[in-house]
Amino acid sequence: MISTEDIFFALKDAVNRAAPNLFVTAEHLQTSKESYAWIQFRQLRIDEGFGMFRRNTRVNIQVVLSPDEFTEIYHSDLYAIADAFDEEFCGYVKVADRFITIYETNAHIFDNILHYEFILDFADYVDKFFKAETEDADFMEDLHIQKKD
């Protein structure tokens, strides 16, 4: 099973590759004087039965830039970061040992903050369900097959 923490750290690594000058966090740092990216999740889990489920995770990466010496934030800088995110999140994101497809991204700027959004939609399973099933199962010791001519 892929944990939310696994997803966060995979996205954090991807954001750091795309925009290495940003501090990446899961918290909204309202008083920060430094530029940062804030990663938020909204998750929906749909049970498919037998320990399987579908996970739909809406990801919102908000980029807050620190103003320059003239207290200005330039949208061109935010557009450049959105372009870098488009290259980094082109098609998929690698989380743990899996590659999760990204079909569509959305980027917009509101109140001088870049909002970069996409959905991770993938199937997953509950580890403990499968472990319990195999621990109690009786397995065949040996199987002998002979072919008659």
Foldseek 3Di string as FASTA:
>chain_A
DFDPVLVQVLVVVLLCVLPVQAAEDCDDDPPDQAKHKHKDWDWDWADPDLQKIKIKIKIKIKIAHHADPVRDQDVVVVVSSVVSSCVSLVQWTDGDPDTFGWDDWDWDADPSMIIIITMGIGMDGDVVSVVVVVVPDDDDDDDDDDDDD
